[in-house]
Amino acid sequence: KDEKTIHVESLGERDASYNDFLRDLQKGGEQECRYGLYDYEYEHQCQGTTESSLKQKLFLMSWCPDTAKIKKKMVYSSSFDALKKALVGVHKYIQATDLSEASEESVERQLRSTDRV
């Protein structure tokens, strides 16, 4: 395989769930690294108000499990910076090495941390 080019492997449906995103990210197996781009939606309530609004934040995840080979991790890590520069409008960059770091709870916590209170 050509390790000098990043290829789009799959496109998720607009209404795909976060679990669908995670499944696609891991479908290469436990030794494979992947990048994933996901538009995450959640309810946000500003402090001092009773109304909540729907927030959408685009994030880019680098998925490199601990079980991946060192060389592969290094290639993905160095390419991540180039990919970040190429993509416009991404709100957050997340690096995950296991399911706890890639979990919906962990991702939502990181995205919410940038909200204005």
N, C-alpha and C. Protein backbone atom coordinates (compact mmCIF):
# COMPACT_ATOMS: atom_id res chain seq x y z
N LYS A 1 0.82 -1.22 0.00
CA LYS A 1 0.00 0.00 0.00
C LYS A 1 0.85 1.26 0.00
N ASP A 2 0.36 2.28 -0.65
CA ASP A 2 1.04 3.57 -0.71
C ASP A 2 0.88 4.29 0.63
N GLU A 3 1.97 4.53 1.32
CA GLU A 3 1.89 5.20 2.62
C GLU A 3 2.19 6.68 2.51
N LYS A 4 2.16 7.21 1.28
CA LYS A 4 2.43 8.63 1.09
C LYS A 4 1.16 9.42 0.78
N THR A 5 0.04 8.72 0.63
CA THR A 5 -1.22 9.37 0.28
C THR A 5 -2.31 8.94 1.27
N ILE A 6 -3.14 9.88 1.65
CA ILE A 6 -4.28 9.57 2.52
C ILE A 6 -5.49 9.36 1.63
N HIS A 7 -6.10 8.20 1.73
CA HIS A 7 -7.26 7.85 0.91
C HIS A 7 -8.53 7.84 1.75
N VAL A 8 -9.64 8.29 1.17
CA VAL A 8 -10.93 8.19 1.84
C VAL A 8 -11.41 6.76 1.68
N GLU A 9 -11.59 6.09 2.80
CA GLU A 9 -11.97 4.68 2.78
C GLU A 9 -13.49 4.51 2.79
N SER A 10 -14.16 5.37 3.55
CA SER A 10 -15.62 5.29 3.59
C SER A 10 -16.21 6.64 3.99
N LEU A 11 -17.43 6.85 3.52
CA LEU A 11 -18.18 8.05 3.87
C LEU A 11 -19.41 7.63 4.65
N GLY A 12 -19.61 8.23 5.81
CA GLY A 12 -20.79 7.90 6.61
C GLY A 12 -21.98 8.73 6.17
N GLU A 13 -23.15 8.22 6.45
CA GLU A 13 -24.38 8.98 6.17
C GLU A 13 -24.43 10.18 7.10
N ARG A 14 -25.13 11.22 6.66
CA ARG A 14 -25.25 12.44 7.47
C ARG A 14 -25.86 12.15 8.84
N ASP A 15 -26.80 11.21 8.89
CA ASP A 15 -27.48 10.90 10.16
C ASP A 15 -26.88 9.67 10.86
N ALA A 16 -25.67 9.28 10.46
CA ALA A 16 -25.03 8.13 11.10
C ALA A 16 -24.74 8.43 12.57
N SER A 17 -24.86 7.41 13.39
CA SER A 17 -24.63 7.58 14.83
C SER A 17 -23.13 7.60 15.13
N TYR A 18 -22.81 8.02 16.35
CA TYR A 18 -21.41 8.02 16.76
C TYR A 18 -20.87 6.59 16.79
N ASN A 19 -21.72 5.63 17.17
CA ASN A 19 -21.30 4.23 17.18
C ASN A 19 -20.95 3.74 15.77
N ASP A 20 -21.70 4.21 14.76
CA ASP A 20 -21.38 3.87 13.37
C ASP A 20 -20.00 4.42 13.01
N PHE A 21 -19.73 5.64 13.43
CA PHE A 21 -18.42 6.28 13.19
C PHE A 21 -17.30 5.44 13.82
N LEU A 22 -17.48 5.05 15.08
CA LEU A 22 -16.47 4.25 15.77
C LEU A 22 -16.25 2.90 15.09
N ARG A 23 -17.34 2.29 14.65
CA ARG A 23 -17.24 0.99 13.97
C ARG A 23 -16.42 1.13 12.68
N ASP A 24 -16.69 2.19 11.91
CA ASP A 24 -15.92 2.43 10.69
C ASP A 24 -14.44 2.68 10.99
N LEU A 25 -14.20 3.41 12.07
CA LEU A 25 -12.84 3.75 12.45
C LEU A 25 -12.02 2.50 12.79
N GLN A 26 -12.68 1.50 13.35
CA GLN A 26 -11.99 0.29 13.82
C GLN A 26 -12.07 -0.89 12.87
N LYS A 27 -12.72 -0.72 11.72
CA LYS A 27 -12.96 -1.89 10.88
C LYS A 27 -11.69 -2.47 10.25
N GLY A 28 -10.59 -1.76 10.32
CA GLY A 28 -9.33 -2.29 9.80
C GLY A 28 -8.68 -3.30 10.72
N GLY A 29 -9.19 -3.41 11.93
CA GLY A 29 -8.62 -4.35 12.90
C GLY A 29 -7.81 -3.63 13.96
N GLU A 30 -7.37 -4.39 14.94
CA GLU A 30 -6.71 -3.78 16.10
C GLU A 30 -5.27 -3.36 15.86
N GLN A 31 -4.75 -3.63 14.66
CA GLN A 31 -3.39 -3.20 14.34
C GLN A 31 -3.37 -2.02 13.38
N GLU A 32 -4.56 -1.55 12.97
CA GLU A 32 -4.65 -0.50 11.96
C GLU A 32 -4.99 0.87 12.55
N CYS A 33 -4.32 1.88 12.06
CA CYS A 33 -4.61 3.27 12.43
C CYS A 33 -5.56 3.86 11.39
N ARG A 34 -6.32 4.84 11.79
CA ARG A 34 -7.26 5.50 10.88
C ARG A 34 -7.43 6.96 11.30
N TYR A 35 -7.89 7.78 10.35
CA TYR A 35 -8.35 9.12 10.67
C TYR A 35 -9.86 9.11 10.47
N GLY A 36 -10.55 9.89 11.27
CA GLY A 36 -11.99 10.00 11.11
C GLY A 36 -12.43 11.43 11.34
N LEU A 37 -13.39 11.86 10.53
CA LEU A 37 -13.96 13.21 10.65
C LEU A 37 -15.43 13.04 10.97
N TYR A 38 -15.91 13.70 12.03
CA TYR A 38 -17.30 13.51 12.45
C TYR A 38 -17.88 14.84 12.89
N ASP A 39 -19.12 15.08 12.48
CA ASP A 39 -19.86 16.29 12.86
C ASP A 39 -20.75 15.92 14.03
N TYR A 40 -20.33 16.31 15.23
CA TYR A 40 -21.00 15.89 16.46
C TYR A 40 -22.04 16.92 16.90
N GLU A 41 -23.23 16.45 17.22
CA GLU A 41 -24.31 17.33 17.68
C GLU A 41 -24.63 17.04 19.14
N TYR A 42 -24.90 18.10 19.90
CA TYR A 42 -25.32 17.93 21.29
C TYR A 42 -26.09 19.16 21.75
N GLU A 43 -26.85 18.98 22.83
CA GLU A 43 -27.62 20.08 23.42
C GLU A 43 -26.71 20.87 24.35
N HIS A 44 -26.83 22.19 24.26
CA HIS A 44 -26.03 23.07 25.13
C HIS A 44 -26.95 24.08 25.79
N GLN A 45 -26.80 24.23 27.10
CA GLN A 45 -27.60 25.20 27.82
C GLN A 45 -26.67 26.24 28.42
N CYS A 46 -26.88 27.51 28.01
CA CYS A 46 -26.06 28.59 28.54
C CYS A 46 -26.41 28.82 30.01
N GLN A 47 -25.42 29.18 30.77
CA GLN A 47 -25.61 29.42 32.19
C GLN A 47 -26.59 30.58 32.39
N GLY A 48 -27.53 30.39 33.31
CA GLY A 48 -28.48 31.45 33.62
C GLY A 48 -29.69 31.48 32.70
N THR A 49 -29.83 30.51 31.82
CA THR A 49 -31.00 30.45 30.95
C THR A 49 -31.68 29.09 31.09
N THR A 50 -32.92 29.04 30.67
CA THR A 50 -33.63 27.76 30.71
C THR A 50 -33.68 27.13 29.32
N GLU A 51 -33.28 27.90 28.32
CA GLU A 51 -33.32 27.38 26.95
C GLU A 51 -32.01 26.68 26.59
N SER A 52 -32.16 25.64 25.81
CA SER A 52 -30.96 24.97 25.31
C SER A 52 -30.94 25.08 23.79
N SER A 53 -29.75 25.00 23.27
CA SER A 53 -29.61 25.08 21.81
C SER A 53 -28.83 23.87 21.33
N LEU A 54 -28.99 23.55 20.06
CA LEU A 54 -28.29 22.44 19.46
C LEU A 54 -26.95 22.94 18.93
N LYS A 55 -25.88 22.29 19.35
CA LYS A 55 -24.54 22.65 18.89
C LYS A 55 -24.04 21.57 17.95
N GLN A 56 -23.28 21.97 16.96
CA GLN A 56 -22.62 21.04 16.05
C GLN A 56 -21.14 21.41 15.99
N LYS A 57 -20.30 20.41 16.19
CA LYS A 57 -18.86 20.66 16.12
C LYS A 57 -18.21 19.54 15.32
N LEU A 58 -17.41 19.95 14.37
CA LEU A 58 -16.69 19.01 13.53
C LEU A 58 -15.36 18.69 14.21
N PHE A 59 -15.06 17.40 14.37
CA PHE A 59 -13.77 17.05 14.94
C PHE A 59 -13.08 16.00 14.07
N LEU A 60 -11.77 16.03 14.14
CA LEU A 60 -10.93 15.08 13.43
C LEU A 60 -10.26 14.19 14.46
N MET A 61 -10.42 12.88 14.30
CA MET A 61 -9.80 11.95 15.24
C MET A 61 -8.72 11.14 14.55
N SER A 62 -7.62 11.02 15.25
CA SER A 62 -6.56 10.11 14.83
C SER A 62 -6.69 8.89 15.73
N TRP A 63 -7.04 7.76 15.13
CA TRP A 63 -7.20 6.51 15.87
C TRP A 63 -5.98 5.64 15.61
N CYS A 64 -5.13 5.50 16.62
CA CYS A 64 -3.95 4.63 16.53
C CYS A 64 -3.91 3.78 17.79
N PRO A 65 -4.49 2.59 17.71
CA PRO A 65 -4.53 1.74 18.90
C PRO A 65 -3.13 1.36 19.39
N ASP A 66 -3.03 1.11 20.68
CA ASP A 66 -1.75 0.70 21.28
C ASP A 66 -1.17 -0.53 20.59
N THR A 67 -2.03 -1.36 20.02
CA THR A 67 -1.60 -2.62 19.40
C THR A 67 -1.06 -2.42 17.98
N ALA A 68 -1.16 -1.21 17.43
CA ALA A 68 -0.64 -0.94 16.08
C ALA A 68 0.89 -0.97 16.10
N LYS A 69 1.47 -1.29 14.95
CA LYS A 69 2.94 -1.32 14.85
C LYS A 69 3.51 0.09 14.99
N ILE A 70 4.69 0.18 15.57
CA ILE A 70 5.34 1.46 15.85
C ILE A 70 5.49 2.30 14.58
N LYS A 71 5.94 1.68 13.49
CA LYS A 71 6.14 2.42 12.23
C LYS A 71 4.82 3.06 11.77
N LYS A 72 3.75 2.30 11.86
CA LYS A 72 2.43 2.80 11.43
C LYS A 72 2.02 3.98 12.30
N LYS A 73 2.23 3.87 13.60
CA LYS A 73 1.89 4.97 14.51
C LYS A 73 2.67 6.23 14.16
N MET A 74 3.94 6.05 13.82
CA MET A 74 4.78 7.20 13.48
C MET A 74 4.31 7.85 12.19
N VAL A 75 3.96 7.05 11.18
CA VAL A 75 3.47 7.59 9.91
C VAL A 75 2.18 8.37 10.15
N TYR A 76 1.26 7.80 10.90
CA TYR A 76 -0.02 8.46 11.16
C TYR A 76 0.15 9.72 11.99
N SER A 77 1.03 9.67 12.95
CA SER A 77 1.28 10.83 13.81
C SER A 77 1.86 11.99 13.00
N SER A 78 2.84 11.70 12.14
CA SER A 78 3.44 12.78 11.36
C SER A 78 2.49 13.31 10.28
N SER A 79 1.63 12.46 9.75
CA SER A 79 0.67 12.89 8.73
C SER A 79 -0.49 13.68 9.32
N PHE A 80 -0.75 13.49 10.60
CA PHE A 80 -1.88 14.15 11.26
C PHE A 80 -1.76 15.67 11.16
N ASP A 81 -0.55 16.19 11.32
CA ASP A 81 -0.35 17.65 11.23
C ASP A 81 -0.67 18.18 9.84
N ALA A 82 -0.23 17.46 8.82
CA ALA A 82 -0.52 17.88 7.43
C ALA A 82 -2.02 17.83 7.17
N LEU A 83 -2.68 16.82 7.68
CA LEU A 83 -4.12 16.68 7.50
C LEU A 83 -4.86 17.81 8.21
N LYS A 84 -4.40 18.17 9.40
CA LYS A 84 -5.03 19.27 10.16
C LYS A 84 -4.96 20.57 9.37
N LYS A 85 -3.83 20.81 8.73
CA LYS A 85 -3.67 22.05 7.95
C LYS A 85 -4.54 22.05 6.69
N ALA A 86 -4.79 20.87 6.14
CA ALA A 86 -5.55 20.76 4.90
C ALA A 86 -7.06 20.91 5.12
N LEU A 87 -7.53 20.59 6.30
CA LEU A 87 -8.96 20.63 6.57
C LEU A 87 -9.36 21.94 7.25
N VAL A 88 -10.34 22.61 6.68
CA VAL A 88 -10.81 23.88 7.21
C VAL A 88 -12.13 23.66 7.95
N GLY A 89 -12.32 24.35 9.06
CA GLY A 89 -13.59 24.27 9.78
C GLY A 89 -13.65 23.20 10.85
N VAL A 90 -12.53 22.53 11.09
CA VAL A 90 -12.51 21.51 12.14
C VAL A 90 -12.35 22.21 13.48
N HIS A 91 -13.25 21.87 14.40
CA HIS A 91 -13.27 22.55 15.69
C HIS A 91 -12.26 21.97 16.69
N LYS A 92 -12.07 20.65 16.64
CA LYS A 92 -11.22 19.99 17.64
C LYS A 92 -10.47 18.83 17.00
N TYR A 93 -9.25 18.61 17.47
CA TYR A 93 -8.43 17.49 17.01
C TYR A 93 -8.23 16.55 18.19
N ILE A 94 -8.54 15.29 17.99
CA ILE A 94 -8.50 14.32 19.09
C ILE A 94 -7.61 13.15 18.67
N GLN A 95 -6.70 12.77 19.55
CA GLN A 95 -5.87 11.58 19.32
C GLN A 95 -6.32 10.51 20.29
N ALA A 96 -6.69 9.35 19.76
CA ALA A 96 -7.18 8.26 20.60
C ALA A 96 -6.36 7.00 20.35
N THR A 97 -6.01 6.33 21.44
CA THR A 97 -5.25 5.08 21.34
C THR A 97 -6.04 3.89 21.86
N ASP A 98 -7.18 4.16 22.50
CA ASP A 98 -8.04 3.08 22.99
C ASP A 98 -9.49 3.55 23.03
N LEU A 99 -10.40 2.65 23.32
CA LEU A 99 -11.82 2.98 23.26
C LEU A 99 -12.25 3.99 24.32
N SER A 100 -11.54 4.06 25.43
CA SER A 100 -11.92 5.05 26.44
C SER A 100 -11.65 6.47 25.93
N GLU A 101 -10.56 6.65 25.18
CA GLU A 101 -10.25 7.96 24.61
C GLU A 101 -11.14 8.30 23.42
N ALA A 102 -11.66 7.27 22.75
CA ALA A 102 -12.51 7.49 21.58
C ALA A 102 -14.00 7.44 21.94
N SER A 103 -14.31 7.17 23.19
CA SER A 103 -15.71 7.02 23.59
C SER A 103 -16.49 8.31 23.38
N GLU A 104 -17.79 8.16 23.18
CA GLU A 104 -18.65 9.32 22.97
C GLU A 104 -18.58 10.27 24.18
N GLU A 105 -18.53 9.72 25.37
CA GLU A 105 -18.46 10.54 26.59
C GLU A 105 -17.19 11.38 26.61
N SER A 106 -16.07 10.75 26.28
CA SER A 106 -14.79 11.46 26.28
C SER A 106 -14.77 12.56 25.21
N VAL A 107 -15.26 12.25 24.02
CA VAL A 107 -15.28 13.22 22.92
C VAL A 107 -16.21 14.38 23.26
N GLU A 108 -17.40 14.07 23.77
CA GLU A 108 -18.34 15.14 24.11
C GLU A 108 -17.77 16.05 25.20
N ARG A 109 -17.10 15.46 26.18
CA ARG A 109 -16.48 16.26 27.24
C ARG A 109 -15.44 17.22 26.65
N GLN A 110 -14.64 16.74 25.71
CA GLN A 110 -13.63 17.61 25.09
C GLN A 110 -14.27 18.71 24.25
N LEU A 111 -15.34 18.38 23.54
CA LEU A 111 -16.02 19.39 22.72
C LEU A 111 -16.72 20.43 23.60
N ARG A 112 -17.36 19.96 24.68
CA ARG A 112 -18.05 20.89 25.60
C ARG A 112 -17.08 21.82 26.31
N SER A 113 -15.85 21.37 26.49
CA SER A 113 -14.87 22.20 27.22
C SER A 113 -14.56 23.49 26.48
N THR A 114 -14.90 23.55 25.21
CA THR A 114 -14.64 24.78 24.44
C THR A 114 -15.87 25.68 24.33
N ASP A 115 -17.00 25.23 24.93
CA ASP A 115 -18.23 26.06 24.89
C ASP A 115 -18.08 27.26 25.80
N ARG A 116 -18.77 28.34 25.40
CA ARG A 116 -18.86 29.48 26.31
C ARG A 116 -19.94 29.14 27.32
N VAL A 117 -19.71 29.50 28.56
CA VAL A 117 -20.64 29.13 29.63
C VAL A 117 -21.84 30.04 29.65
